[in-house]
């Protein structure tokens, strides 16, 4: 019966439901988004509710990300090299990137993120991919290398995970950080 009523609907049809070119969003426009609740935490690896995870995902960047065609592209990494056996990934980080307070983003931030994510004291559900890493090292301010024990198919996209600011969080209980409290 519903199908029949739908088929008989006499509502006027619009010629073009897409917005005109002059109405399309532009870079820098404002995004208004609703969520199921208030964010309680802005540290992505500690986010345990959907609102926190959604907001935190818009605050932090990873080394890589997916583009609109689902290709892996650089985000905080401008490029990377993967050894032929797939065990070593060397990330070449973007220079000139700064945290909100003007401090430079460096490989030390990436190493810190790896260390805090794999720390058994960190209450996170996101450590799994990083636990497959045998060695992580900051070779210099803009080069970060990870070595895996064995090939791991999602190794590269694992680094889409949010990178955290070492200078704000290192040496502190991450769960008690200002970022981990209700924003």
N, C-alpha and C. Protein backbone atom coordinates (compact mmCIF):
# COMPACT_ATOMS: atom_id res chain seq x y z
N UNK A 1 0.81 -1.19 0.00
CA UNK A 1 0.00 0.00 0.00
C UNK A 1 0.86 1.26 0.00
N UNK A 2 1.96 1.26 0.76
CA UNK A 2 2.84 2.42 0.81
C UNK A 2 3.44 2.69 -0.56
N UNK A 3 3.84 1.63 -1.25
CA UNK A 3 4.41 1.78 -2.58
C UNK A 3 3.40 2.42 -3.52
N UNK A 4 2.17 1.99 -3.44
CA UNK A 4 1.13 2.54 -4.30
C UNK A 4 0.91 4.02 -4.01
N UNK A 5 0.88 4.40 -2.73
CA UNK A 5 0.69 5.81 -2.38
C UNK A 5 1.87 6.66 -2.82
N UNK A 6 3.04 6.11 -2.70
CA UNK A 6 4.23 6.84 -3.12
C UNK A 6 4.23 7.02 -4.62
N UNK A 7 3.85 6.01 -5.33
CA UNK A 7 3.82 6.08 -6.79
C UNK A 7 2.79 7.08 -7.28
N UNK A 8 1.75 7.31 -6.52
CA UNK A 8 0.70 8.25 -6.90
C UNK A 8 0.92 9.65 -6.37
N UNK A 9 1.99 9.90 -5.70
CA UNK A 9 2.27 11.22 -5.13
C UNK A 9 2.30 12.27 -6.22
N UNK A 10 1.55 13.34 -6.06
CA UNK A 10 1.48 14.40 -7.05
C UNK A 10 2.29 15.63 -6.64
N UNK A 11 3.21 15.48 -5.68
CA UNK A 11 4.03 16.62 -5.24
C UNK A 11 4.85 17.12 -6.41
N UNK A 12 5.01 18.45 -6.52
CA UNK A 12 5.82 18.98 -7.62
C UNK A 12 7.27 18.55 -7.49
N UNK A 13 7.86 18.20 -8.58
CA UNK A 13 9.26 17.78 -8.59
C UNK A 13 10.14 18.96 -8.97
N UNK A 14 11.27 19.09 -8.30
CA UNK A 14 12.20 20.17 -8.65
C UNK A 14 13.10 19.69 -9.76
N UNK A 15 13.46 20.59 -10.64
CA UNK A 15 14.33 20.26 -11.76
C UNK A 15 15.72 19.86 -11.29
N UNK A 16 16.25 20.61 -10.34
CA UNK A 16 17.62 20.37 -9.91
C UNK A 16 17.70 20.55 -8.40
N UNK A 17 17.88 19.45 -7.68
CA UNK A 17 17.93 19.51 -6.22
C UNK A 17 19.30 19.98 -5.72
N UNK A 18 20.30 19.99 -6.57
CA UNK A 18 21.64 20.43 -6.16
C UNK A 18 21.69 21.95 -6.09
N UNK A 19 22.47 22.48 -5.14
CA UNK A 19 22.60 23.93 -5.07
C UNK A 19 23.34 24.47 -6.29
N UNK A 20 23.05 25.69 -6.64
CA UNK A 20 23.74 26.33 -7.75
C UNK A 20 25.20 26.55 -7.37
N UNK A 21 26.06 26.69 -8.36
CA UNK A 21 27.50 26.81 -8.12
C UNK A 21 27.83 27.93 -7.15
N UNK A 22 27.10 29.04 -7.21
CA UNK A 22 27.41 30.15 -6.31
C UNK A 22 26.96 29.87 -4.87
N UNK A 23 26.25 28.77 -4.64
CA UNK A 23 25.79 28.41 -3.31
C UNK A 23 26.60 27.26 -2.70
N UNK A 24 27.55 26.72 -3.44
CA UNK A 24 28.36 25.62 -2.93
C UNK A 24 29.28 26.12 -1.83
N UNK A 25 29.57 25.28 -0.82
CA UNK A 25 30.47 25.71 0.25
C UNK A 25 31.87 25.98 -0.28
N UNK A 26 32.54 26.88 0.35
CA UNK A 26 33.92 27.23 -0.02
C UNK A 26 34.84 26.96 1.16
N UNK A 27 36.12 26.81 0.87
CA UNK A 27 37.11 26.60 1.92
C UNK A 27 37.02 27.75 2.91
N UNK A 28 36.97 27.41 4.19
CA UNK A 28 36.89 28.43 5.22
C UNK A 28 35.47 28.75 5.66
N UNK A 29 34.47 28.17 4.96
CA UNK A 29 33.09 28.38 5.39
C UNK A 29 32.88 27.74 6.76
N UNK A 30 31.78 28.05 7.37
CA UNK A 30 31.45 27.53 8.70
C UNK A 30 30.67 26.23 8.54
N UNK A 31 31.02 25.24 9.35
CA UNK A 31 30.31 23.98 9.38
C UNK A 31 29.52 23.93 10.68
N UNK A 32 28.23 23.73 10.58
CA UNK A 32 27.39 23.56 11.76
C UNK A 32 27.00 22.10 11.80
N UNK A 33 27.23 21.47 12.95
CA UNK A 33 27.00 20.05 13.05
C UNK A 33 26.32 19.73 14.37
N UNK A 34 25.37 18.85 14.35
CA UNK A 34 24.72 18.39 15.57
C UNK A 34 25.28 17.04 15.95
N UNK A 35 25.24 16.72 17.22
CA UNK A 35 25.71 15.42 17.68
C UNK A 35 24.76 14.92 18.75
N UNK A 36 24.96 13.70 19.15
CA UNK A 36 24.05 13.06 20.09
C UNK A 36 24.20 13.58 21.52
N UNK A 37 25.29 14.24 21.82
CA UNK A 37 25.52 14.75 23.17
C UNK A 37 26.70 15.70 23.19
N UNK A 38 27.08 16.11 24.37
CA UNK A 38 28.23 17.00 24.53
C UNK A 38 29.52 16.19 24.59
N UNK A 39 30.57 16.72 24.01
CA UNK A 39 31.88 16.08 24.10
C UNK A 39 32.37 16.17 25.54
N UNK A 40 32.93 15.08 26.03
CA UNK A 40 33.44 15.07 27.39
C UNK A 40 34.96 15.02 27.42
N UNK A 41 35.59 14.87 26.25
CA UNK A 41 37.03 14.68 26.18
C UNK A 41 37.51 15.08 24.79
N UNK A 42 38.63 15.78 24.70
CA UNK A 42 39.15 16.17 23.39
C UNK A 42 40.40 15.40 22.98
N UNK A 43 40.82 14.43 23.77
CA UNK A 43 41.96 13.60 23.39
C UNK A 43 41.41 12.36 22.70
N UNK A 44 41.61 12.25 21.38
CA UNK A 44 40.98 11.17 20.62
C UNK A 44 41.24 9.77 21.16
N UNK A 45 42.44 9.48 21.62
CA UNK A 45 42.69 8.12 22.06
C UNK A 45 42.01 7.80 23.38
N UNK A 46 41.50 8.81 24.07
CA UNK A 46 40.73 8.60 25.30
C UNK A 46 39.23 8.71 25.07
N UNK A 47 38.83 9.18 23.91
CA UNK A 47 37.41 9.39 23.63
C UNK A 47 36.66 8.07 23.69
N UNK A 48 35.64 8.02 24.53
CA UNK A 48 34.88 6.79 24.66
C UNK A 48 33.40 6.99 24.33
N UNK A 49 33.05 8.18 23.89
CA UNK A 49 31.67 8.44 23.47
C UNK A 49 31.71 9.07 22.08
N UNK A 50 30.62 8.93 21.36
CA UNK A 50 30.64 9.38 19.96
C UNK A 50 30.80 10.89 19.83
N UNK A 51 30.23 11.67 20.74
CA UNK A 51 30.36 13.13 20.64
C UNK A 51 31.82 13.54 20.80
N UNK A 52 32.51 12.97 21.79
CA UNK A 52 33.93 13.30 22.01
C UNK A 52 34.76 12.89 20.81
N UNK A 53 34.51 11.71 20.30
CA UNK A 53 35.28 11.21 19.16
C UNK A 53 35.06 12.10 17.93
N UNK A 54 33.83 12.51 17.71
CA UNK A 54 33.53 13.38 16.56
C UNK A 54 34.24 14.71 16.65
N UNK A 55 34.17 15.34 17.82
CA UNK A 55 34.79 16.65 18.00
C UNK A 55 36.31 16.53 17.95
N UNK A 56 36.87 15.57 18.69
CA UNK A 56 38.32 15.40 18.73
C UNK A 56 38.88 15.13 17.34
N UNK A 57 38.12 14.42 16.53
CA UNK A 57 38.56 14.15 15.17
C UNK A 57 38.67 15.39 14.30
N UNK A 58 38.01 16.46 14.70
CA UNK A 58 38.10 17.71 13.96
C UNK A 58 39.15 18.65 14.55
N UNK A 59 39.72 18.28 15.69
CA UNK A 59 40.70 19.14 16.37
C UNK A 59 42.13 18.73 16.03
N UNK A 60 42.38 17.43 15.93
CA UNK A 60 43.73 16.92 15.70
C UNK A 60 43.87 16.32 14.31
N UNK A 61 45.10 16.26 13.83
CA UNK A 61 45.41 15.66 12.53
C UNK A 61 46.28 14.43 12.74
N UNK A 62 46.28 13.56 11.74
CA UNK A 62 47.16 12.42 11.71
C UNK A 62 48.28 12.66 10.71
N UNK A 63 49.16 11.69 10.58
CA UNK A 63 50.23 11.81 9.59
C UNK A 63 49.67 11.64 8.18
N UNK A 64 48.65 10.80 8.05
CA UNK A 64 48.01 10.56 6.76
C UNK A 64 46.50 10.65 6.95
N UNK A 65 45.78 10.66 5.83
CA UNK A 65 44.32 10.67 5.86
C UNK A 65 43.83 10.14 4.52
N UNK A 66 42.53 9.91 4.44
CA UNK A 66 41.92 9.54 3.16
C UNK A 66 41.47 10.80 2.45
N UNK A 67 41.64 10.84 1.13
CA UNK A 67 41.08 11.95 0.37
C UNK A 67 39.65 11.57 -0.04
N UNK A 68 39.01 12.42 -0.83
CA UNK A 68 37.61 12.19 -1.20
C UNK A 68 37.43 10.93 -2.04
N UNK A 69 38.50 10.43 -2.65
CA UNK A 69 38.43 9.22 -3.46
C UNK A 69 38.95 7.99 -2.71
N UNK A 70 39.13 8.14 -1.39
CA UNK A 70 39.60 7.07 -0.51
C UNK A 70 41.04 6.63 -0.79
N UNK A 71 41.84 7.54 -1.30
CA UNK A 71 43.27 7.30 -1.44
C UNK A 71 43.96 7.81 -0.18
N UNK A 72 45.00 7.15 0.26
CA UNK A 72 45.76 7.63 1.41
C UNK A 72 46.67 8.75 0.92
N UNK A 73 46.54 9.91 1.57
CA UNK A 73 47.35 11.08 1.23
C UNK A 73 47.97 11.64 2.51
N UNK A 74 48.98 12.46 2.35
CA UNK A 74 49.64 13.06 3.49
C UNK A 74 48.76 14.08 4.19
N UNK A 75 48.92 14.16 5.50
CA UNK A 75 48.26 15.19 6.29
C UNK A 75 49.39 15.94 7.01
N UNK A 76 49.85 15.45 8.14
CA UNK A 76 51.02 16.05 8.79
C UNK A 76 52.32 15.53 8.18
N UNK A 77 52.24 14.43 7.46
CA UNK A 77 53.40 13.93 6.72
C UNK A 77 53.28 14.41 5.28
N UNK A 78 54.37 14.95 4.75
CA UNK A 78 54.31 15.37 3.34
C UNK A 78 54.62 14.20 2.42
N UNK A 79 55.34 13.21 2.93
CA UNK A 79 55.63 12.01 2.14
C UNK A 79 56.08 10.90 3.09
N UNK A 80 56.25 9.72 2.54
CA UNK A 80 56.72 8.58 3.32
C UNK A 80 57.32 7.56 2.37
N UNK A 81 58.18 6.74 2.93
CA UNK A 81 58.82 5.65 2.19
C UNK A 81 58.49 4.36 2.93
N UNK A 82 58.16 3.32 2.17
CA UNK A 82 57.90 2.01 2.75
C UNK A 82 58.90 1.05 2.13
N UNK A 83 59.60 0.29 2.96
CA UNK A 83 60.55 -0.67 2.43
C UNK A 83 59.81 -1.73 1.62
N UNK A 84 60.53 -2.39 0.73
CA UNK A 84 59.92 -3.37 -0.15
C UNK A 84 59.22 -4.49 0.64
N UNK A 85 59.77 -4.87 1.78
CA UNK A 85 59.15 -5.93 2.58
C UNK A 85 58.01 -5.41 3.45
N UNK A 86 57.77 -4.10 3.43
CA UNK A 86 56.66 -3.52 4.17
C UNK A 86 56.86 -3.38 5.66
N UNK A 87 58.06 -3.66 6.15
CA UNK A 87 58.30 -3.64 7.59
C UNK A 87 58.68 -2.27 8.14
N UNK A 88 59.17 -1.39 7.30
CA UNK A 88 59.64 -0.08 7.79
C UNK A 88 58.95 1.03 7.00
N UNK A 89 58.39 1.98 7.75
CA UNK A 89 57.81 3.18 7.14
C UNK A 89 58.56 4.38 7.70
N UNK A 90 59.06 5.21 6.81
CA UNK A 90 59.74 6.44 7.22
C UNK A 90 58.87 7.60 6.75
N UNK A 91 58.41 8.40 7.71
CA UNK A 91 57.57 9.56 7.41
C UNK A 91 58.42 10.82 7.37
N UNK A 92 58.20 11.63 6.36
CA UNK A 92 58.86 12.93 6.24
C UNK A 92 57.78 13.97 6.56
N UNK A 93 57.95 14.63 7.69
CA UNK A 93 56.90 15.51 8.21
C UNK A 93 56.93 16.89 7.57
N UNK A 94 55.77 17.50 7.53
CA UNK A 94 55.65 18.87 7.01
C UNK A 94 56.38 19.84 7.93
N UNK A 95 57.11 20.73 7.34
CA UNK A 95 57.79 21.78 8.11
C UNK A 95 56.86 22.99 8.19
N UNK A 96 57.01 23.76 9.25
CA UNK A 96 56.22 24.98 9.39
C UNK A 96 54.87 24.77 10.04
N UNK A 97 54.54 23.55 10.44
CA UNK A 97 53.27 23.28 11.12
C UNK A 97 53.43 23.65 12.59
N UNK A 98 52.43 24.33 13.13
CA UNK A 98 52.49 24.75 14.53
C UNK A 98 51.24 24.29 15.27
N UNK A 99 51.41 24.07 16.57
CA UNK A 99 50.28 23.82 17.45
C UNK A 99 49.56 25.13 17.68
N UNK A 100 48.41 25.08 18.31
CA UNK A 100 47.59 26.28 18.53
C UNK A 100 48.32 27.37 19.31
N UNK A 101 49.33 26.98 20.09
CA UNK A 101 50.08 27.95 20.91
C UNK A 101 51.36 28.44 20.22
N UNK A 102 51.54 28.06 18.96
CA UNK A 102 52.69 28.52 18.20
C UNK A 102 53.91 27.63 18.28
N UNK A 103 53.89 26.61 19.13
CA UNK A 103 55.02 25.68 19.24
C UNK A 103 55.05 24.81 17.98
N UNK A 104 56.26 24.49 17.50
CA UNK A 104 56.35 23.70 16.27
C UNK A 104 55.94 22.24 16.47
N UNK A 105 55.31 21.68 15.44
CA UNK A 105 55.01 20.26 15.39
C UNK A 105 56.28 19.55 14.92
N UNK A 106 56.70 18.50 15.64
CA UNK A 106 57.92 17.76 15.27
C UNK A 106 57.70 16.25 15.43
N UNK A 107 58.72 15.51 15.03
CA UNK A 107 58.70 14.06 15.18
C UNK A 107 58.61 13.65 16.64
N UNK A 108 59.04 14.50 17.56
CA UNK A 108 58.91 14.20 18.99
C UNK A 108 57.44 14.06 19.39
N UNK A 109 56.56 14.82 18.75
CA UNK A 109 55.13 14.71 19.01
C UNK A 109 54.60 13.36 18.54
N UNK A 110 55.08 12.91 17.39
CA UNK A 110 54.64 11.62 16.85
C UNK A 110 55.13 10.49 17.75
N UNK A 111 56.39 10.55 18.16
CA UNK A 111 56.94 9.54 19.05
C UNK A 111 56.18 9.53 20.38
N UNK A 112 55.92 10.69 20.93
CA UNK A 112 55.15 10.78 22.18
C UNK A 112 53.77 10.14 22.01
N UNK A 113 53.10 10.42 20.91
CA UNK A 113 51.77 9.85 20.67
C UNK A 113 51.85 8.33 20.64
N UNK A 114 52.85 7.79 19.95
CA UNK A 114 53.04 6.34 19.92
C UNK A 114 53.26 5.81 21.34
N UNK A 115 54.14 6.46 22.10
CA UNK A 115 54.46 5.99 23.44
C UNK A 115 53.26 6.03 24.38
N UNK A 116 52.52 7.12 24.37
CA UNK A 116 51.38 7.23 25.28
C UNK A 116 50.25 6.29 24.85
N UNK A 117 50.10 6.06 23.56
CA UNK A 117 49.05 5.16 23.08
C UNK A 117 49.33 3.73 23.49
N UNK A 118 50.60 3.33 23.49
CA UNK A 118 50.95 1.95 23.83
C UNK A 118 51.25 1.75 25.31
N UNK A 119 51.22 2.81 26.09
CA UNK A 119 51.45 2.71 27.54
C UNK A 119 50.27 1.97 28.18
N UNK A 120 50.53 0.87 28.90
CA UNK A 120 49.43 0.12 29.52
C UNK A 120 48.59 0.96 30.49
N UNK A 121 49.15 2.06 30.99
CA UNK A 121 48.39 2.91 31.91
C UNK A 121 47.39 3.82 31.19
N UNK A 122 47.52 3.92 29.88
CA UNK A 122 46.60 4.76 29.11
C UNK A 122 45.34 3.96 28.80
N UNK A 123 44.18 4.42 29.28
CA UNK A 123 42.93 3.68 29.04
C UNK A 123 42.38 3.96 27.63
N UNK A 124 42.91 3.24 26.67
CA UNK A 124 42.48 3.46 25.29
C UNK A 124 42.15 2.14 24.60
N UNK A 125 41.22 2.23 23.69
CA UNK A 125 40.87 1.08 22.86
C UNK A 125 41.60 1.14 21.52
N UNK A 126 42.47 2.13 21.35
CA UNK A 126 43.09 2.38 20.05
C UNK A 126 44.56 1.96 19.97
N UNK A 127 45.04 1.19 20.91
CA UNK A 127 46.46 0.82 20.93
C UNK A 127 46.79 -0.34 19.99
N UNK A 128 45.81 -1.13 19.61
CA UNK A 128 46.04 -2.36 18.86
C UNK A 128 46.99 -2.25 17.68
N UNK A 129 46.76 -1.30 16.79
CA UNK A 129 47.62 -1.17 15.61
C UNK A 129 49.05 -0.79 15.99
N UNK A 130 49.20 0.05 17.00
CA UNK A 130 50.54 0.49 17.40
C UNK A 130 51.30 -0.59 18.17
N UNK A 131 50.59 -1.54 18.77
CA UNK A 131 51.26 -2.62 19.50
C UNK A 131 51.98 -3.58 18.55
N UNK A 132 51.71 -3.48 17.27
CA UNK A 132 52.38 -4.32 16.28
C UNK A 132 53.74 -3.76 15.86
N UNK A 133 54.07 -2.59 16.39
CA UNK A 133 55.33 -1.93 16.05
C UNK A 133 56.45 -2.45 16.93
N UNK A 134 57.57 -2.82 16.30
CA UNK A 134 58.74 -3.29 17.04
C UNK A 134 59.57 -2.11 17.54
N UNK A 135 59.67 -1.06 16.72
CA UNK A 135 60.51 0.08 17.08
C UNK A 135 59.95 1.35 16.45
N UNK A 136 59.91 2.42 17.24
CA UNK A 136 59.49 3.74 16.74
C UNK A 136 60.58 4.72 17.12
N UNK A 137 60.95 5.59 16.18
CA UNK A 137 62.03 6.52 16.48
C UNK A 137 61.90 7.83 15.72
N UNK A 138 62.24 8.90 16.41
CA UNK A 138 62.32 10.23 15.79
C UNK A 138 63.77 10.39 15.34
N UNK A 139 64.00 10.35 14.04
CA UNK A 139 65.36 10.43 13.51
C UNK A 139 65.91 11.85 13.57
N UNK A 140 65.03 12.81 13.38
CA UNK A 140 65.34 14.23 13.54
C UNK A 140 64.00 14.94 13.71
N UNK A 141 63.97 16.24 13.71
CA UNK A 141 62.71 16.96 13.96
C UNK A 141 61.62 16.66 12.95
N UNK A 142 62.00 16.28 11.73
CA UNK A 142 61.00 16.11 10.68
C UNK A 142 61.03 14.73 10.02
N UNK A 143 61.62 13.75 10.70
CA UNK A 143 61.64 12.39 10.17
C UNK A 143 61.30 11.42 11.29
N UNK A 144 60.31 10.60 11.05
CA UNK A 144 59.84 9.61 12.02
C UNK A 144 59.79 8.26 11.34
N UNK A 145 60.34 7.23 12.01
CA UNK A 145 60.39 5.90 11.40
C UNK A 145 59.81 4.86 12.34
N UNK A 146 59.03 3.95 11.77
CA UNK A 146 58.51 2.81 12.53
C UNK A 146 58.93 1.52 11.84
N UNK A 147 59.21 0.52 12.66
CA UNK A 147 59.59 -0.80 12.17
C UNK A 147 58.62 -1.81 12.77
N UNK A 148 58.05 -2.63 11.92
CA UNK A 148 57.11 -3.66 12.35
C UNK A 148 57.80 -5.01 12.40
N UNK A 149 57.31 -5.91 13.27
CA UNK A 149 57.85 -7.27 13.36
C UNK A 149 57.55 -8.07 12.10
N UNK A 150 56.35 -7.88 11.59
CA UNK A 150 55.92 -8.60 10.38
C UNK A 150 55.01 -7.68 9.59
N UNK A 151 54.80 -7.98 8.32
CA UNK A 151 53.94 -7.12 7.51
C UNK A 151 52.56 -6.96 8.15
N UNK A 152 52.05 -5.74 8.10
CA UNK A 152 50.76 -5.40 8.71
C UNK A 152 50.01 -4.54 7.70
N UNK A 153 48.99 -5.10 7.07
CA UNK A 153 48.30 -4.43 5.96
C UNK A 153 47.86 -3.00 6.28
N UNK A 154 47.23 -2.72 7.43
CA UNK A 154 46.80 -1.34 7.69
C UNK A 154 47.86 -0.46 8.36
N UNK A 155 49.13 -0.84 8.24
CA UNK A 155 50.19 -0.08 8.92
C UNK A 155 50.16 1.40 8.54
N UNK A 156 50.08 1.72 7.28
CA UNK A 156 50.14 3.12 6.85
C UNK A 156 48.93 3.91 7.34
N UNK A 157 47.74 3.37 7.15
CA UNK A 157 46.54 4.13 7.54
C UNK A 157 46.39 4.20 9.06
N UNK A 158 47.08 3.34 9.80
CA UNK A 158 47.08 3.46 11.26
C UNK A 158 47.55 4.83 11.70
N UNK A 159 48.38 5.44 10.88
CA UNK A 159 48.95 6.75 11.22
C UNK A 159 48.02 7.90 10.86
N UNK A 160 46.76 7.59 10.54
CA UNK A 160 45.73 8.62 10.44
C UNK A 160 45.26 9.01 11.85
N UNK A 161 45.70 8.24 12.83
CA UNK A 161 45.36 8.54 14.23
C UNK A 161 45.87 9.92 14.61
N UNK A 162 45.14 10.57 15.48
CA UNK A 162 45.49 11.93 15.92
C UNK A 162 46.85 11.97 16.60
N UNK A 163 47.65 12.94 16.20
CA UNK A 163 48.95 13.18 16.84
C UNK A 163 48.74 14.22 17.94
N UNK A 164 49.33 13.95 19.09
CA UNK A 164 49.13 14.79 20.28
C UNK A 164 50.33 15.71 20.52
N UNK A 165 50.10 16.86 21.16
CA UNK A 165 51.18 17.80 21.46
C UNK A 165 52.01 17.36 22.67
N UNK A 166 53.20 16.88 22.42
CA UNK A 166 54.08 16.40 23.48
C UNK A 166 54.33 17.48 24.53
N UNK A 167 54.58 18.69 24.09
CA UNK A 167 54.96 19.76 25.02
C UNK A 167 53.84 20.10 26.01
N UNK A 168 52.61 19.73 25.69
CA UNK A 168 51.50 20.00 26.61
C UNK A 168 51.15 18.80 27.49
N UNK A 169 51.52 17.60 27.07
CA UNK A 169 51.04 16.40 27.76
C UNK A 169 52.13 15.54 28.39
N UNK A 170 53.35 15.58 27.89
CA UNK A 170 54.40 14.69 28.39
C UNK A 170 54.66 14.93 29.88
N UNK A 171 54.86 13.84 30.60
CA UNK A 171 55.16 13.92 32.02
C UNK A 171 53.95 14.14 32.90
N UNK A 172 52.77 14.16 32.29
CA UNK A 172 51.53 14.37 33.05
C UNK A 172 50.63 13.16 32.88
N UNK A 173 49.71 13.01 33.79
CA UNK A 173 48.69 11.98 33.64
C UNK A 173 47.75 12.46 32.54
N UNK A 174 47.81 11.81 31.40
CA UNK A 174 47.04 12.25 30.24
C UNK A 174 45.54 12.29 30.53
N UNK A 175 45.07 11.43 31.41
CA UNK A 175 43.64 11.39 31.71
C UNK A 175 43.19 12.59 32.54
N UNK A 176 44.15 13.30 33.12
CA UNK A 176 43.82 14.48 33.94
C UNK A 176 44.19 15.78 33.24
N UNK A 177 44.64 15.69 32.02
CA UNK A 177 45.01 16.88 31.25
C UNK A 177 43.78 17.75 31.02
N UNK A 178 44.02 19.04 30.85
CA UNK A 178 42.94 19.97 30.54
C UNK A 178 42.19 19.53 29.28
N UNK A 179 42.92 18.96 28.32
CA UNK A 179 42.28 18.48 27.09
C UNK A 179 41.36 17.29 27.34
N UNK A 180 41.65 16.53 28.41
CA UNK A 180 40.85 15.34 28.70
C UNK A 180 39.62 15.67 29.54
N UNK A 181 39.53 16.90 29.99
CA UNK A 181 38.35 17.30 30.77
C UNK A 181 37.29 17.85 29.85
N UNK A 182 36.10 17.97 30.40
CA UNK A 182 34.97 18.50 29.61
C UNK A 182 35.35 19.85 29.01
N UNK A 183 35.32 19.96 27.68
CA UNK A 183 35.71 21.22 27.04
C UNK A 183 34.79 22.38 27.40
